[in-house]
C-alpha atoms as a PDB file:
ATOM      1  CA  MET A   1      -3.950 -18.599 -13.963  1.00  0.00           C
ATOM      2  CA  PRO A   2      -6.640 -18.605 -12.115  1.00  0.00           C
ATOM      3  CA  ALA A   3      -9.453 -15.584 -12.788  1.00  0.00           C
ATOM      4  CA  TRP A   4     -10.721 -13.684 -10.079  1.00  0.00           C
ATOM      5  CA  THR A   5     -14.357 -12.128  -9.637  1.00  0.00           C
ATOM      6  CA  ALA A   6     -15.401  -9.049  -8.174  1.00  0.00           C
ATOM      7  CA  LYS A   7     -18.465  -7.501  -7.354  1.00  0.00           C
ATOM      8  CA  THR A   8     -19.362  -3.878  -8.371  1.00  0.00           C
ATOM      9  CA  VAL A   9     -21.659  -1.439  -5.787  1.00  0.00           C
ATOM     10  CA  ARG A  10     -24.759  -2.358  -8.126  1.00  0.00           C
ATOM     11  CA  GLY A  11     -23.483  -6.341  -7.650  1.00  0.00           C
ATOM     12  CA  HIS A  12     -22.435  -6.721 -11.124  1.00  0.00           C
ATOM     13  CA  ASN A  13     -19.642  -9.605 -11.521  1.00  0.00           C
ATOM     14  CA  HIS A  14     -16.663  -8.749 -13.131  1.00  0.00           C
ATOM     15  CA  LYS A  15     -14.546 -11.476 -14.070  1.00  0.00           C
ATOM     16  CA  ARG A  16     -10.763 -11.155 -15.190  1.00  0.00           C
ATOM     17  CA  SER A  17      -8.217 -13.214 -15.351  1.00  0.00           C
ATOM     18  CA  ASN A  18      -4.625 -12.757 -13.775  1.00  0.00           C
ATOM     19  CA  ALA A  19      -2.686 -12.847 -16.997  1.00  0.00           C
ATOM     20  CA  ALA A  20      -4.652  -9.951 -17.845  1.00  0.00           C
ATOM     21  CA  PHE A  21      -2.205  -7.903 -15.882  1.00  0.00           C
ATOM     22  CA  GLY A  22       1.038  -9.437 -16.995  1.00  0.00           C
ATOM     23  CA  LYS A  23       4.103 -10.009 -14.881  1.00  0.00           C
ATOM     24  CA  ASN A  24       3.564  -7.570 -12.938  1.00  0.00           C
ATOM     25  CA  MET A  25       1.323  -9.722 -10.939  1.00  0.00           C
ATOM     26  CA  SER A  26       4.174 -12.283 -10.317  1.00  0.00           C
ATOM     27  CA  SER A  27       5.017 -12.773  -6.547  1.00  0.00           C
ATOM     28  CA  ASN A  28       8.690 -12.218  -7.026  1.00  0.00           C
ATOM     29  CA  ASN A  29       7.896  -8.381  -8.391  1.00  0.00           C
ATOM     30  CA  VAL A  30       5.348  -7.889  -5.448  1.00  0.00           C
ATOM     31  CA  VAL A  31       8.277  -8.936  -2.881  1.00  0.00           C
ATOM     32  CA  LYS A  32      10.581  -6.896  -4.884  1.00  0.00           C
ATOM     33  CA  ALA A  33       8.664  -3.699  -4.753  1.00  0.00           C
ATOM     34  CA  ARG A  34       7.765  -4.091  -1.267  1.00  0.00           C
ATOM     35  CA  SER A  35      11.344  -4.507  -0.242  1.00  0.00           C
ATOM     36  CA  ASN A  36      11.937  -1.492  -2.602  1.00  0.00           C
ATOM     37  CA  PHE A  37       9.176   0.575  -0.876  1.00  0.00           C
ATOM     38  CA  ALA A  38      10.749  -0.402   2.724  1.00  0.00           C
ATOM     39  CA  ASP A  39      14.049   0.558   1.674  1.00  0.00           C
ATOM     40  CA  ARG A  40      13.254   3.995   0.596  1.00  0.00           C
ATOM     41  CA  ASN A  41      10.509   4.770   3.335  1.00  0.00           C
ATOM     42  CA  PRO A  42      12.485   4.073   6.446  1.00  0.00           C
ATOM     43  CA  GLY A  43      10.905   7.245   8.202  1.00  0.00           C
ATOM     44  CA  SER A  44       7.529   5.904   7.472  1.00  0.00           C
ATOM     45  CA  ARG A  45       8.268   2.239   8.679  1.00  0.00           C
ATOM     46  CA  SER A  46       9.997   3.929  12.239  1.00  0.00           C
ATOM     47  CA  HIS A  47       6.378   5.907  12.846  1.00  0.00           C
ATOM     48  CA  TYR A  48       4.557   3.268  11.839  1.00  0.00           C
ATOM     49  CA  ASP A  49       6.336   0.440  14.196  1.00  0.00           C
ATOM     50  CA  GLU A  50       5.758   3.270  16.823  1.00  0.00           C
ATOM     51  CA  ALA A  51       2.536   3.557  16.257  1.00  0.00           C
ATOM     52  CA  ARG A  52       1.357  -0.001  16.295  1.00  0.00           C
ATOM     53  CA  LYS A  53       2.171   0.246  20.072  1.00  0.00           C
ATOM     54  CA  TYR A  54      -0.780   2.289  20.560  1.00  0.00           C
ATOM     55  CA  MET A  55      -3.112   1.660  17.908  1.00  0.00           C
ATOM     56  CA  PRO A  56      -4.418  -1.561  16.324  1.00  0.00           C
ATOM     57  CA  GLY A  57      -3.114  -1.716  12.954  1.00  0.00           C
ATOM     58  CA  GLY A  58      -0.588   1.442  13.566  1.00  0.00           C
ATOM     59  CA  GLN A  59      -3.699   3.973  12.467  1.00  0.00           C
ATOM     60  CA  THR A  60      -7.154   4.895  13.081  1.00  0.00           C
ATOM     61  CA  ARG A  61      -7.929   3.698   9.284  1.00  0.00           C
ATOM     62  CA  SER A  62      -6.584   0.385   8.801  1.00  0.00           C
ATOM     63  CA  VAL A  63      -8.918  -0.479   5.894  1.00  0.00           C
ATOM     64  CA  LEU A  64      -6.656   2.296   3.940  1.00  0.00           C
ATOM     65  CA  THR A  65      -3.004   0.832   4.612  1.00  0.00           C
ATOM     66  CA  HIS A  66      -1.355  -1.377   2.425  1.00  0.00           C
ATOM     67  CA  ALA A  67       1.690  -4.027   2.671  1.00  0.00           C
ATOM     68  CA  PRO A  68       4.276  -3.469   3.835  1.00  0.00           C
ATOM     69  CA  PHE A  69       3.338  -0.076   5.929  1.00  0.00           C
ATOM     70  CA  PRO A  70       1.830   2.958   5.453  1.00  0.00           C
ATOM     71  CA  LEU A  71       3.543   6.287   4.238  1.00  0.00           C
ATOM     72  CA  THR A  72       3.813   8.907   6.944  1.00  0.00           C
ATOM     73  CA  PHE A  73       3.435  12.098   6.078  1.00  0.00           C
ATOM     74  CA  ALA A  74       4.845  15.468   7.433  1.00  0.00           C
ATOM     75  CA  SER A  75       3.724  18.379   5.400  1.00  0.00           C
ATOM     76  CA  GLY A  76       1.314  19.602   2.898  1.00  0.00           C
ATOM     77  CA  SER A  77       1.486  22.679   0.647  1.00  0.00           C
ATOM     78  CA  GLY A  78      -1.294  23.024  -2.017  1.00  0.00           C
ATOM     79  CA  ALA A  79      -1.648  19.627  -3.737  1.00  0.00           C
ATOM     80  CA  THR A  80       1.996  18.531  -2.671  1.00  0.00           C
ATOM     81  CA  LEU A  81       2.625  16.436   0.441  1.00  0.00           C
ATOM     82  CA  THR A  82       6.047  15.471   1.793  1.00  0.00           C
ATOM     83  CA  ASP A  83       6.497  12.329   3.602  1.00  0.00           C
ATOM     84  CA  VAL A  84       8.991  11.849   6.516  1.00  0.00           C
ATOM     85  CA  ASP A  85      11.626  10.456   4.343  1.00  0.00           C
ATOM     86  CA  GLY A  86      11.495  13.626   2.049  1.00  0.00           C
ATOM     87  CA  HIS A  87       9.527  12.528  -0.890  1.00  0.00           C
ATOM     88  CA  THR A  88       7.099  14.850  -2.549  1.00  0.00           C
END
């Protein structure tokens, strides 16, 4: 597998092999994980689809999003967040 290189804030290069991540990096596992995420969070998907009608990327901080869509949080108390699908 090809290695990837990342630059740190100070400009240092870090080379790592994808093999270091094992089977978790296979595309089949990523597709399955995204599908499971979407299945478990239909409310967040609905909010994301609606928000995309009004904002580019469906949110104001698109750099913080991830595929297939970001979670939408309904409430928070102390250190606990609850999303629109009821997960804490």
